[in-house]
Amino acid sequence: MNSRKILCKLLEWFKQNFLSLNTNKTYFTQFLSKNVACSDINIIYENNYITKVSDLKFLGININNTLTWKSHIETILPKLSSACFAMRSIKLLISQQMLKAIYYSQFHSIILYGLMFWGNSAHSARVFRIQKRIIRIMTESRSRDSCRKLFSHLNILPLPSLYVLSILHFVMKNKELFTIHNEVHQHGTRQTNNFHFPPAKLQKYQSGVFYMGVKLYNSLPPYINVEFDNTTKFETLLKKFLLKQTFYSLSEFYNFV
């Protein structure tokens, strides 16, 4: 379906819902990959061109046309740095319990928003560095001290573990989107209750939410994913597991079992 047909369908939906399209506030972007060249696309509505952009903000998330999430991460970094400064300013005046409350409201809330989209980006390492900085501030640790035990002490998940939790939370809320191996074939294997991987050639798709949901779920210890039908127990076991292990990367998570 080309862009003109899509626009016609959108306009028909607007008409049926008594809405109109403001071309001054409407943009489109062409998503690119290494193997796809940029095409010269023009979209016209009522003799007005719809502006083409390479970077846009949608529901509070900055999206660029290569889906590297660099622009979104660069947007939240100053906010996270401000939270670190505020934490450093008040850490001697309040209890650690209050520091954790401030951490969750001023820092955690920012990194959690949209994490399942950008948490697997190479640029997310910059966010993780700032998270370790605020953890050291909260615990009055030195800049070169390891944060693994500090995360465990505070019961706070490192960014990679938080990413795993957010992806698997999505999986739990959207079970109908995923297919179990034994629904595809009847061969008895150790992976019978694992999710079936969808065919995927593009690396962008493989790092996306759906594919990563399959990959992370299949990498869980058996005692956790066997509880998949019990949402409460599954999420409780998952969070305890992640808090205990304090994974610093997805590689550590995959290699654990």
Protein backbone atom coordinates (compact mmCIF):
# COMPACT_ATOMS: atom_id res chain seq x y z
CA MET A 1 0.00 0.00 0.00
CA ASN A 2 1.57 3.32 -1.09
CA SER A 3 1.58 6.57 0.84
CA ARG A 4 -1.30 8.09 -1.15
CA LYS A 5 -3.62 5.20 -0.38
CA ILE A 6 -2.66 5.34 3.30
CA LEU A 7 -3.39 9.08 3.38
CA CYS A 8 -6.80 8.49 1.76
CA LYS A 9 -7.66 5.95 4.44
CA LEU A 10 -6.56 8.36 7.17
CA LEU A 11 -8.63 11.17 5.71
CA GLU A 12 -11.66 8.91 5.51
CA TRP A 13 -11.21 8.01 9.19
CA PHE A 14 -10.91 11.71 10.08
CA LYS A 15 -14.08 12.47 8.16
CA GLN A 16 -16.05 9.70 9.85
CA ASN A 17 -14.91 10.97 13.27
CA PHE A 18 -15.54 14.67 12.50
CA LEU A 19 -11.86 15.57 12.59
CA SER A 20 -9.60 17.51 10.26
CA LEU A 21 -5.90 17.23 9.43
CA ASN A 22 -3.71 20.20 10.36
CA THR A 23 -0.90 20.09 7.80
CA ASN A 24 1.17 22.59 9.83
CA LYS A 25 1.43 20.05 12.65
CA THR A 26 1.64 16.90 10.53
CA TYR A 27 4.91 15.22 9.56
CA PHE A 28 6.04 11.97 8.06
CA THR A 29 9.28 10.06 8.23
CA GLN A 30 10.76 7.35 6.03
CA PHE A 31 12.41 4.63 8.09
CA LEU A 32 15.70 3.46 6.64
CA SER A 33 18.08 0.53 6.96
CA LYS A 34 21.57 -0.07 5.63
CA ASN A 35 20.13 -1.96 2.66
CA VAL A 36 17.38 0.52 1.79
CA ALA A 37 18.17 3.83 0.13
CA CYS A 38 16.19 6.96 0.87
CA SER A 39 13.38 7.45 -1.68
CA ASP A 40 12.13 10.78 -2.94
CA ILE A 41 8.62 10.68 -1.46
CA ASN A 42 6.22 13.62 -1.50
CA ILE A 43 2.85 13.57 0.25
CA ILE A 44 0.38 16.30 -0.67
CA TYR A 45 -2.90 17.15 1.05
CA GLU A 46 -5.13 19.95 -0.26
CA ASN A 47 -2.21 21.37 -2.27
CA ASN A 48 0.00 21.45 0.84
CA TYR A 49 3.10 19.30 1.24
CA ILE A 50 3.34 17.18 4.39
CA THR A 51 6.76 17.93 5.87
CA LYS A 52 9.27 15.10 5.78
CA VAL A 53 11.50 14.81 8.87
CA SER A 54 14.27 12.46 9.98
CA ASP A 55 13.50 12.92 13.69
CA LEU A 56 10.17 13.43 15.45
CA LYS A 57 8.59 13.26 18.88
CA PHE A 58 5.64 10.91 19.35
CA LEU A 59 3.90 10.45 22.70
CA GLY A 60 6.97 11.68 24.57
CA ILE A 61 9.45 9.47 22.70
CA ASN A 62 11.94 10.85 20.19
CA ILE A 63 12.12 8.62 17.12
CA ASN A 64 14.65 8.95 14.32
CA ASN A 65 14.41 7.41 10.87
CA THR A 66 17.08 4.77 11.59
CA LEU A 67 15.62 3.69 14.94
CA THR A 68 18.92 4.03 16.78
CA TRP A 69 17.13 5.87 19.64
CA LYS A 70 20.12 8.20 19.92
CA SER A 71 17.98 11.35 19.84
CA HIS A 72 15.64 10.08 22.57
CA ILE A 73 18.52 9.12 24.85
CA GLU A 74 20.21 12.48 24.30
CA THR A 75 16.92 14.14 25.28
CA ILE A 76 16.64 12.35 28.63
CA LEU A 77 20.33 12.56 29.62
CA PRO A 78 20.11 16.19 30.87
CA LYS A 79 17.04 15.30 32.95
CA LEU A 80 18.89 12.39 34.53
CA SER A 81 21.93 14.55 35.23
CA SER A 82 19.65 17.09 36.95
CA ALA A 83 18.24 14.31 39.11
CA CYS A 84 21.80 13.35 40.12
CA PHE A 85 22.57 16.94 41.05
CA ALA A 86 19.42 17.18 43.16
CA MET A 87 20.22 13.88 44.86
CA ARG A 88 23.74 15.05 45.69
CA SER A 89 22.36 18.29 47.16
CA ILE A 90 19.95 16.64 49.60
CA LYS A 91 21.53 13.26 50.37
CA LEU A 92 22.86 14.38 53.79
CA LEU A 93 19.54 15.87 54.87
CA ILE A 94 17.16 12.94 54.47
CA SER A 95 16.99 9.19 55.11
CA GLN A 96 17.90 6.55 52.54
CA GLN A 97 14.24 5.56 52.36
CA MET A 98 13.39 9.09 51.23
CA LEU A 99 16.34 9.03 48.80
CA LYS A 100 14.87 5.91 47.20
CA ALA A 101 11.48 7.58 46.93
CA ILE A 102 13.10 10.53 45.16
CA TYR A 103 15.09 8.16 42.94
CA TYR A 104 11.90 6.44 41.76
CA SER A 105 10.01 9.66 41.17
CA GLN A 106 12.76 11.77 39.57
CA PHE A 107 15.06 9.21 37.90
CA HIS A 108 13.43 5.80 37.57
CA SER A 109 10.25 7.24 36.03
CA ILE A 110 12.31 8.83 33.25
CA ILE A 111 14.33 5.74 32.30
CA LEU A 112 11.31 3.46 32.51
CA TYR A 113 9.27 5.41 29.96
CA GLY A 114 9.60 3.70 26.58
CA LEU A 115 12.47 1.54 27.87
CA MET A 116 11.30 -1.56 26.01
CA PHE A 117 11.92 0.35 22.75
CA TRP A 118 15.28 2.02 23.41
CA GLY A 119 16.77 -0.19 26.17
CA ASN A 120 18.56 -2.44 23.67
CA SER A 121 20.21 0.48 21.87
CA ALA A 122 24.00 0.83 21.96
CA HIS A 123 23.43 4.39 23.21
CA SER A 124 21.64 3.10 26.34
CA ALA A 125 25.07 2.54 27.93
CA ARG A 126 25.19 6.29 28.55
CA VAL A 127 22.00 6.07 30.61
CA PHE A 128 23.38 3.11 32.55
CA ARG A 129 26.50 5.11 33.46
CA ILE A 130 24.35 7.88 34.92
CA GLN A 131 22.25 5.32 36.79
CA LYS A 132 25.40 3.97 38.43
CA ARG A 133 26.39 7.52 39.29
CA ILE A 134 23.15 8.20 41.16
CA ILE A 135 23.41 4.86 42.95
CA ARG A 136 26.88 5.83 44.20
CA ILE A 137 25.52 9.20 45.33
CA MET A 138 22.71 7.53 47.26
CA THR A 139 25.11 5.19 49.03
CA GLU A 140 27.94 7.73 49.46
CA SER A 141 30.29 5.48 47.51
CA ARG A 142 33.42 6.45 45.60
CA SER A 143 33.35 7.00 41.84
CA ARG A 144 35.36 3.83 41.17
CA ASP A 145 33.43 1.55 43.54
CA SER A 146 31.54 -1.33 41.91
CA CYS A 147 27.78 -0.83 41.91
CA ARG A 148 26.69 -4.49 41.74
CA LYS A 149 26.41 -4.90 45.51
CA LEU A 150 24.96 -1.40 45.83
CA PHE A 151 22.10 -2.27 43.46
CA SER A 152 21.38 -5.39 45.51
CA HIS A 153 21.59 -3.46 48.78
CA LEU A 154 19.06 -0.89 47.57
CA ASN A 155 16.84 -3.47 45.80
CA ILE A 156 17.08 -1.43 42.61
CA LEU A 157 17.40 -3.03 39.18
CA PRO A 158 20.31 -2.06 36.90
CA LEU A 159 19.20 -0.72 33.53
CA PRO A 160 19.77 -3.99 31.58
CA SER A 161 17.71 -5.94 34.13
CA LEU A 162 15.03 -3.26 34.06
CA TYR A 163 14.93 -3.61 30.28
CA VAL A 164 14.43 -7.39 30.59
CA LEU A 165 11.63 -6.81 33.10
CA SER A 166 9.87 -4.28 30.87
CA ILE A 167 10.03 -6.56 27.80
CA LEU A 168 8.74 -9.60 29.68
CA HIS A 169 6.02 -7.49 31.28
CA PHE A 170 4.90 -6.66 27.73
CA VAL A 171 4.96 -10.38 26.89
CA MET A 172 2.76 -11.19 29.89
CA LYS A 173 0.25 -8.51 28.92
CA ASN A 174 0.12 -9.69 25.29
CA LYS A 175 0.27 -13.48 25.49
CA GLU A 176 -1.98 -13.86 22.46
CA LEU A 177 0.75 -12.44 20.20
CA PHE A 178 3.19 -15.27 20.93
CA THR A 179 3.21 -18.87 19.74
CA ILE A 180 4.46 -21.85 21.76
CA HIS A 181 6.68 -24.40 19.98
CA ASN A 182 4.22 -27.24 20.52
CA GLU A 183 1.58 -25.21 18.67
CA VAL A 184 3.82 -25.26 15.59
CA HIS A 185 5.02 -28.88 15.69
CA GLN A 186 4.49 -31.95 17.86
CA HIS A 187 8.13 -33.01 18.22
CA GLY A 188 9.04 -33.60 21.85
CA THR A 189 12.06 -31.43 22.69
CA ARG A 190 13.37 -29.54 25.70
CA GLN A 191 12.14 -26.34 24.03
CA THR A 192 8.54 -27.54 23.69
CA ASN A 193 7.21 -24.82 25.99
CA ASN A 194 9.44 -22.08 24.59
CA PHE A 195 8.17 -19.43 22.21
CA HIS A 196 8.52 -19.97 18.49
CA PHE A 197 10.87 -17.47 16.82
CA PRO A 198 9.22 -15.55 13.96
CA PRO A 199 11.18 -15.38 10.68
CA ALA A 200 13.33 -12.25 10.78
CA LYS A 201 16.09 -11.07 8.48
CA LEU A 202 16.38 -7.41 9.44
CA GLN A 203 18.58 -6.68 12.43
CA LYS A 204 16.24 -3.84 13.41
CA TYR A 205 13.38 -6.30 13.76
CA GLN A 206 15.55 -8.70 15.77
CA SER A 207 16.29 -5.93 18.27
CA GLY A 208 12.63 -4.91 18.46
CA VAL A 209 10.14 -5.57 21.24
CA PHE A 210 8.43 -8.66 19.80
CA TYR A 211 11.55 -10.59 18.76
CA MET A 212 13.37 -9.68 21.98
CA GLY A 213 10.33 -10.82 23.96
CA VAL A 214 10.72 -14.30 22.45
CA LYS A 215 14.48 -14.35 22.96
CA LEU A 216 14.40 -13.18 26.59
CA TYR A 217 11.52 -15.46 27.56
CA ASN A 218 13.27 -18.50 26.07
CA SER A 219 16.41 -17.62 28.07
CA LEU A 220 14.66 -17.63 31.45
CA PRO A 221 15.40 -20.35 34.01
CA PRO A 222 12.79 -23.14 33.67
CA TYR A 223 11.41 -22.58 37.16
CA ILE A 224 10.25 -19.12 36.05
CA ASN A 225 8.83 -19.65 32.57
CA VAL A 226 6.97 -22.76 33.74
CA GLU A 227 4.75 -20.30 35.66
CA PHE A 228 3.86 -18.34 32.53
CA ASP A 229 0.12 -18.97 32.94
CA ASN A 230 0.22 -17.61 36.49
CA THR A 231 0.88 -13.92 35.89
CA THR A 232 1.37 -12.92 39.52
CA LYS A 233 3.75 -15.75 40.36
CA PHE A 234 5.67 -15.36 37.10
CA GLU A 235 6.30 -11.64 37.65
CA THR A 236 7.20 -12.17 41.32
CA LEU A 237 9.75 -14.86 40.51
CA LEU A 238 11.14 -12.84 37.62
CA LYS A 239 11.72 -9.71 39.69
CA LYS A 240 13.34 -11.67 42.55
CA PHE A 241 15.62 -13.38 40.03
CA LEU A 242 16.66 -10.08 38.43
CA LEU A 243 17.21 -8.37 41.79
CA LYS A 244 19.42 -11.20 42.97
CA GLN A 245 21.59 -11.43 39.84
CA THR A 246 22.03 -7.69 39.03
CA PHE A 247 22.80 -8.26 35.35
CA TYR A 248 24.99 -5.59 33.79
CA SER A 249 24.31 -6.70 30.20
CA LEU A 250 22.04 -8.92 28.14
CA SER A 251 25.01 -11.22 27.51
CA GLU A 252 25.21 -11.93 31.23
CA PHE A 253 21.49 -12.69 31.23
CA TYR A 254 21.71 -15.09 28.25
CA ASN A 255 24.74 -16.89 29.71
CA PHE A 256 23.28 -17.35 33.18
CA VAL A 257 21.28 -20.54 32.53
